[in-house]
Each structure stands twice: as structure tokens, then as C-alpha cells.
Amino acid sequence: MKYNSLEFSENISYLISHGLLTTEDSEENKKYYSTIDDFSVKIDESEFHMYVTINDISEENS
């Protein structure tokens, strides 16, 4: 499988824009963190349902 940096970048951007991934920049590199705390899947006959619990990632100011 060939690595396609454009496709990878688009996938990362998609996840970030939909709130499923967040980033933290450092001097050396960028770190990615999942915002998904939990998920479950339910299949009823021909329907597929996915339920996602998103972590509350925010900075608190004191």
C-alpha cells in the first residue's frame, strides 16, 4: 500500500472538522488526540446506527 500524503491530510482534516480529532502543537511536532470517549453500534434488520460519546476537551481559565 502506498502512502498518499494528500489523502492522509484530507482524512485528518475531515476528522478534525467533525469534532472527532483534536491537535496539540509542540516545537517538535503536532500531536493528534481522539475526542471519542465511547461508541456503540446497533444493527436493526437493514439499519445501522452508531452512537458516539465525545470527550469534553476544553481549556479552563482560572
PDB file of N, CA and C in Angstrom:
ATOM      1  N   MET A   1       0.844  -1.179   0.000  1.00  0.00           N
ATOM      2  CA  MET A   1       0.000   0.000   0.000  1.00  0.00           C
ATOM      3  C   MET A   1       0.891   1.244   0.000  1.00  0.00           C
ATOM      4  N   LYS A   2       0.663   2.142  -0.912  1.00  0.00           N
ATOM      5  CA  LYS A   2       1.422   3.378  -0.992  1.00  0.00           C
ATOM      6  C   LYS A   2       0.828   4.422  -0.069  1.00  0.00           C
ATOM      7  N   TYR A   3       1.705   5.195   0.522  1.00  0.00           N
ATOM      8  CA  TYR A   3       1.298   6.283   1.398  1.00  0.00           C
ATOM      9  C   TYR A   3       0.995   7.506   0.546  1.00  0.00           C
ATOM     10  N   ASN A   4      -0.203   8.033   0.666  1.00  0.00           N
ATOM     11  CA  ASN A   4      -0.624   9.214  -0.077  1.00  0.00           C
ATOM     12  C   ASN A   4      -0.830  10.350   0.916  1.00  0.00           C
ATOM     13  N   SER A   5       0.124  11.277   0.978  1.00  0.00           N
ATOM     14  CA  SER A   5       0.071  12.336   1.988  1.00  0.00           C
ATOM     15  C   SER A   5      -1.133  13.258   1.812  1.00  0.00           C
ATOM     16  N   LEU A   6      -1.561  13.497   0.576  1.00  0.00           N
ATOM     17  CA  LEU A   6      -2.728  14.351   0.357  1.00  0.00           C
ATOM     18  C   LEU A   6      -3.989  13.684   0.912  1.00  0.00           C
ATOM     19  N   GLU A   7      -4.154  12.403   0.641  1.00  0.00           N
ATOM     20  CA  GLU A   7      -5.318  11.663   1.138  1.00  0.00           C
ATOM     21  C   GLU A   7      -5.297  11.604   2.669  1.00  0.00           C
ATOM     22  N   PHE A   8      -4.125  11.372   3.240  1.00  0.00           N
ATOM     23  CA  PHE A   8      -3.989  11.350   4.692  1.00  0.00           C
ATOM     24  C   PHE A   8      -4.387  12.697   5.287  1.00  0.00           C
ATOM     25  N   SER A   9      -3.888  13.775   4.708  1.00  0.00           N
ATOM     26  CA  SER A   9      -4.193  15.124   5.175  1.00  0.00           C
ATOM     27  C   SER A   9      -5.690  15.417   5.088  1.00  0.00           C
ATOM     28  N   GLU A  10      -6.322  15.002   4.013  1.00  0.00           N
ATOM     29  CA  GLU A  10      -7.765  15.205   3.850  1.00  0.00           C
ATOM     30  C   GLU A  10      -8.549  14.423   4.908  1.00  0.00           C
ATOM     31  N   ASN A  11      -8.114  13.202   5.189  1.00  0.00           N
ATOM     32  CA  ASN A  11      -8.794  12.389   6.200  1.00  0.00           C
ATOM     33  C   ASN A  11      -8.648  13.007   7.587  1.00  0.00           C
ATOM     34  N   ILE A  12      -7.456  13.481   7.920  1.00  0.00           N
ATOM     35  CA  ILE A  12      -7.225  14.128   9.206  1.00  0.00           C
ATOM     36  C   ILE A  12      -8.086  15.392   9.313  1.00  0.00           C
ATOM     37  N   SER A  13      -8.112  16.193   8.258  1.00  0.00           N
ATOM     38  CA  SER A  13      -8.921  17.416   8.247  1.00  0.00           C
ATOM     39  C   SER A  13     -10.397  17.109   8.442  1.00  0.00           C
ATOM     40  N   TYR A  14     -10.869  16.047   7.807  1.00  0.00           N
ATOM     41  CA  TYR A  14     -12.269  15.631   7.947  1.00  0.00           C
ATOM     42  C   TYR A  14     -12.581  15.303   9.408  1.00  0.00           C
ATOM     43  N   LEU A  15     -11.712  14.516  10.045  1.00  0.00           N
ATOM     44  CA  LEU A  15     -11.937  14.128  11.437  1.00  0.00           C
ATOM     45  C   LEU A  15     -11.918  15.341  12.359  1.00  0.00           C
ATOM     46  N   ILE A  16     -11.005  16.267  12.127  1.00  0.00           N
ATOM     47  CA  ILE A  16     -10.921  17.482  12.943  1.00  0.00           C
ATOM     48  C   ILE A  16     -12.167  18.345  12.751  1.00  0.00           C
ATOM     49  N   SER A  17     -12.575  18.536  11.504  1.00  0.00           N
ATOM     50  CA  SER A  17     -13.731  19.399  11.222  1.00  0.00           C
ATOM     51  C   SER A  17     -15.039  18.832  11.775  1.00  0.00           C
ATOM     52  N   HIS A  18     -15.097  17.519  11.976  1.00  0.00           N
ATOM     53  CA  HIS A  18     -16.297  16.893  12.529  1.00  0.00           C
ATOM     54  C   HIS A  18     -16.183  16.641  14.037  1.00  0.00           C
ATOM     55  N   GLY A  19     -15.145  17.202  14.655  1.00  0.00           N
ATOM     56  CA  GLY A  19     -15.014  17.119  16.097  1.00  0.00           C
ATOM     57  C   GLY A  19     -14.574  15.776  16.638  1.00  0.00           C
ATOM     58  N   LEU A  20     -14.027  14.905  15.789  1.00  0.00           N
ATOM     59  CA  LEU A  20     -13.617  13.579  16.236  1.00  0.00           C
ATOM     60  C   LEU A  20     -12.128  13.488  16.561  1.00  0.00           C
ATOM     61  N   LEU A  21     -11.401  14.548  16.250  1.00  0.00           N
ATOM     62  CA  LEU A  21      -9.961  14.571  16.475  1.00  0.00           C
ATOM     63  C   LEU A  21      -9.562  15.994  16.808  1.00  0.00           C
ATOM     64  N   THR A  22      -8.598  16.144  17.701  1.00  0.00           N
ATOM     65  CA  THR A  22      -8.074  17.461  18.038  1.00  0.00           C
ATOM     66  C   THR A  22      -6.548  17.392  17.995  1.00  0.00           C
ATOM     67  N   THR A  23      -5.906  18.549  17.940  1.00  0.00           N
ATOM     68  CA  THR A  23      -4.452  18.565  17.839  1.00  0.00           C
ATOM     69  C   THR A  23      -3.841  19.424  18.932  1.00  0.00           C
ATOM     70  N   GLU A  24      -2.574  19.155  19.190  1.00  0.00           N
ATOM     71  CA  GLU A  24      -1.780  19.974  20.096  1.00  0.00           C
ATOM     72  C   GLU A  24      -0.415  20.140  19.443  1.00  0.00           C
ATOM     73  N   ASP A  25      -0.019  21.377  19.188  1.00  0.00           N
ATOM     74  CA  ASP A  25       1.270  21.642  18.556  1.00  0.00           C
ATOM     75  C   ASP A  25       2.346  21.810  19.605  1.00  0.00           C
ATOM     76  N   SER A  26       3.506  21.249  19.314  1.00  0.00           N
ATOM     77  CA  SER A  26       4.679  21.477  20.143  1.00  0.00           C
ATOM     78  C   SER A  26       5.794  21.972  19.226  1.00  0.00           C
ATOM     79  N   GLU A  27       6.923  22.295  19.796  1.00  0.00           N
ATOM     80  CA  GLU A  27       8.040  22.770  18.976  1.00  0.00           C
ATOM     81  C   GLU A  27       8.512  21.686  18.018  1.00  0.00           C
ATOM     82  N   GLU A  28       8.439  20.440  18.439  1.00  0.00           N
ATOM     83  CA  GLU A  28       8.980  19.337  17.653  1.00  0.00           C
ATOM     84  C   GLU A  28       7.987  18.752  16.661  1.00  0.00           C
ATOM     85  N   ASN A  29       6.731  18.644  17.040  1.00  0.00           N
ATOM     86  CA  ASN A  29       5.745  18.032  16.143  1.00  0.00           C
ATOM     87  C   ASN A  29       4.324  18.356  16.582  1.00  0.00           C
ATOM     88  N   LYS A  30       3.383  17.842  15.846  1.00  0.00           N
ATOM     89  CA  LYS A  30       1.963  18.010  16.147  1.00  0.00           C
ATOM     90  C   LYS A  30       1.435  16.670  16.650  1.00  0.00           C
ATOM     91  N   LYS A  31       0.700  16.713  17.754  1.00  0.00           N
ATOM     92  CA  LYS A  31       0.109  15.501  18.306  1.00  0.00           C
ATOM     93  C   LYS A  31      -1.389  15.522  18.053  1.00  0.00           C
ATOM     94  N   TYR A  32      -1.946  14.360  17.742  1.00  0.00           N
ATOM     95  CA  TYR A  32      -3.372  14.220  17.480  1.00  0.00           C
ATOM     96  C   TYR A  32      -4.007  13.413  18.602  1.00  0.00           C
ATOM     97  N   TYR A  33      -5.194  13.846  19.037  1.00  0.00           N
ATOM     98  CA  TYR A  33      -5.924  13.171  20.097  1.00  0.00           C
ATOM     99  C   TYR A  33      -7.360  12.923  19.652  1.00  0.00           C
ATOM    100  N   SER A  34      -7.833  11.739  19.937  1.00  0.00           N
ATOM    101  CA  SER A  34      -9.230  11.409  19.659  1.00  0.00           C
ATOM    102  C   SER A  34     -10.122  12.092  20.678  1.00  0.00           C
ATOM    103  N   THR A  35     -11.245  12.596  20.235  1.00  0.00           N
ATOM    104  CA  THR A  35     -12.227  13.184  21.144  1.00  0.00           C
ATOM    105  C   THR A  35     -13.325  12.183  21.488  1.00  0.00           C
ATOM    106  N   ILE A  36     -13.249  10.981  20.927  1.00  0.00           N
ATOM    107  CA  ILE A  36     -14.268   9.960  21.157  1.00  0.00           C
ATOM    108  C   ILE A  36     -14.004   9.262  22.488  1.00  0.00           C
ATOM    109  N   ASP A  37     -14.975   9.352  23.380  1.00  0.00           N
ATOM    110  CA  ASP A  37     -14.871   8.697  24.671  1.00  0.00           C
ATOM    111  C   ASP A  37     -15.402   7.270  24.588  1.00  0.00           C
ATOM    112  N   ASP A  38     -16.470   7.097  23.843  1.00  0.00           N
ATOM    113  CA  ASP A  38     -17.104   5.792  23.746  1.00  0.00           C
ATOM    114  C   ASP A  38     -17.976   5.744  22.502  1.00  0.00           C
ATOM    115  N   PHE A  39     -18.170   4.556  21.943  1.00  0.00           N
ATOM    116  CA  PHE A  39     -19.120   4.409  20.843  1.00  0.00           C
ATOM    117  C   PHE A  39     -19.747   3.026  20.902  1.00  0.00           C
ATOM    118  N   SER A  40     -20.937   2.939  20.354  1.00  0.00           N
ATOM    119  CA  SER A  40     -21.626   1.658  20.263  1.00  0.00           C
ATOM    120  C   SER A  40     -22.326   1.577  18.915  1.00  0.00           C
ATOM    121  N   VAL A  41     -22.574   0.362  18.506  1.00  0.00           N
ATOM    122  CA  VAL A  41     -23.214   0.115  17.212  1.00  0.00           C
ATOM    123  C   VAL A  41     -24.441  -0.747  17.439  1.00  0.00           C
ATOM    124  N   LYS A  42     -25.527  -0.383  16.763  1.00  0.00           N
ATOM    125  CA  LYS A  42     -26.759  -1.159  16.844  1.00  0.00           C
ATOM    126  C   LYS A  42     -27.225  -1.438  15.416  1.00  0.00           C
ATOM    127  N   ILE A  43     -27.517  -2.693  15.132  1.00  0.00           N
ATOM    128  CA  ILE A  43     -27.994  -3.085  13.806  1.00  0.00           C
ATOM    129  C   ILE A  43     -29.395  -3.662  13.955  1.00  0.00           C
ATOM    130  N   ASP A  44     -30.372  -3.029  13.298  1.00  0.00           N
ATOM    131  CA  ASP A  44     -31.756  -3.479  13.290  1.00  0.00           C
ATOM    132  C   ASP A  44     -32.143  -3.809  11.855  1.00  0.00           C
ATOM    133  N   GLU A  45     -32.310  -5.092  11.580  1.00  0.00           N
ATOM    134  CA  GLU A  45     -32.648  -5.554  10.237  1.00  0.00           C
ATOM    135  C   GLU A  45     -31.720  -4.937   9.206  1.00  0.00           C
ATOM    136  N   SER A  46     -32.139  -3.916   8.486  1.00  0.00           N
ATOM    137  CA  SER A  46     -31.291  -3.330   7.443  1.00  0.00           C
ATOM    138  C   SER A  46     -30.736  -1.965   7.825  1.00  0.00           C
ATOM    139  N   GLU A  47     -30.918  -1.549   9.079  1.00  0.00           N
ATOM    140  CA  GLU A  47     -30.441  -0.241   9.511  1.00  0.00           C
ATOM    141  C   GLU A  47     -29.222  -0.379  10.416  1.00  0.00           C
ATOM    142  N   PHE A  48     -28.287   0.528  10.248  1.00  0.00           N
ATOM    143  CA  PHE A  48     -27.051   0.569  11.022  1.00  0.00           C
ATOM    144  C   PHE A  48     -27.012   1.887  11.782  1.00  0.00           C
ATOM    145  N   HIS A  49     -26.861   1.827  13.097  1.00  0.00           N
ATOM    146  CA  HIS A  49     -26.804   3.025  13.924  1.00  0.00           C
ATOM    147  C   HIS A  49     -25.509   3.003  14.731  1.00  0.00           C
ATOM    148  N   MET A  50     -24.798   4.121  14.728  1.00  0.00           N
ATOM    149  CA  MET A  50     -23.594   4.254  15.536  1.00  0.00           C
ATOM    150  C   MET A  50     -23.791   5.425  16.482  1.00  0.00           C
ATOM    151  N   TYR A  51     -23.577   5.191  17.760  1.00  0.00           N
ATOM    152  CA  TYR A  51     -23.733   6.207  18.782  1.00  0.00           C
ATOM    153  C   TYR A  51     -22.352   6.550  19.332  1.00  0.00           C
ATOM    154  N   VAL A  52     -22.013   7.828  19.308  1.00  0.00           N
ATOM    155  CA  VAL A  52     -20.678   8.277  19.704  1.00  0.00           C
ATOM    156  C   VAL A  52     -20.792   9.249  20.875  1.00  0.00           C
ATOM    157  N   THR A  53     -19.967   9.027  21.889  1.00  0.00           N
ATOM    158  CA  THR A  53     -19.850   9.959  23.009  1.00  0.00           C
ATOM    159  C   THR A  53     -18.541  10.712  22.830  1.00  0.00           C
ATOM    160  N   ILE A  54     -18.632  12.042  22.750  1.00  0.00           N
ATOM    161  CA  ILE A  54     -17.471  12.891  22.513  1.00  0.00           C
ATOM    162  C   ILE A  54     -16.953  13.425  23.844  1.00  0.00           C
ATOM    163  N   ASN A  55     -15.622  13.345  24.040  1.00  0.00           N
ATOM    164  CA  ASN A  55     -14.986  13.927  25.230  1.00  0.00           C
ATOM    165  C   ASN A  55     -15.170  15.426  25.220  1.00  0.00           C
ATOM    166  N   ASP A  56     -15.287  16.015  26.392  1.00  0.00           N
ATOM    167  CA  ASP A  56     -15.350  17.458  26.517  1.00  0.00           C
ATOM    168  C   ASP A  56     -13.925  17.965  26.699  1.00  0.00           C
ATOM    169  N   ILE A  57     -13.278  18.345  25.603  1.00  0.00           N
ATOM    170  CA  ILE A  57     -11.914  18.834  25.636  1.00  0.00           C
ATOM    171  C   ILE A  57     -11.961  20.339  25.533  1.00  0.00           C
ATOM    172  N   SER A  58     -11.615  20.995  26.612  1.00  0.00           N
ATOM    173  CA  SER A  58     -11.619  22.455  26.610  1.00  0.00           C
ATOM    174  C   SER A  58     -10.615  22.941  27.620  1.00  0.00           C
ATOM    175  N   GLU A  59     -10.156  24.159  27.419  1.00  0.00           N
ATOM    176  CA  GLU A  59      -9.223  24.757  28.357  1.00  0.00           C
ATOM    177  C   GLU A  59     -10.030  25.548  29.382  1.00  0.00           C
ATOM    178  N   GLU A  60      -9.689  25.358  30.630  1.00  0.00           N
ATOM    179  CA  GLU A  60     -10.362  26.097  31.691  1.00  0.00           C
ATOM    180  C   GLU A  60      -9.476  27.235  32.126  1.00  0.00           C
ATOM    181  N   ASN A  61     -10.028  28.413  32.207  1.00  0.00           N
ATOM    182  CA  ASN A  61      -9.271  29.581  32.694  1.00  0.00           C
ATOM    183  C   ASN A  61      -9.557  29.769  34.175  1.00  0.00           C
ATOM    184  N   SER A  62      -8.508  29.909  34.953  1.00  0.00           N
ATOM    185  CA  SER A  62      -8.672  30.096  36.402  1.00  0.00           C
ATOM    186  C   SER A  62      -8.733  31.563  36.746  1.00  0.00           C
TER     187      SER A  62
END
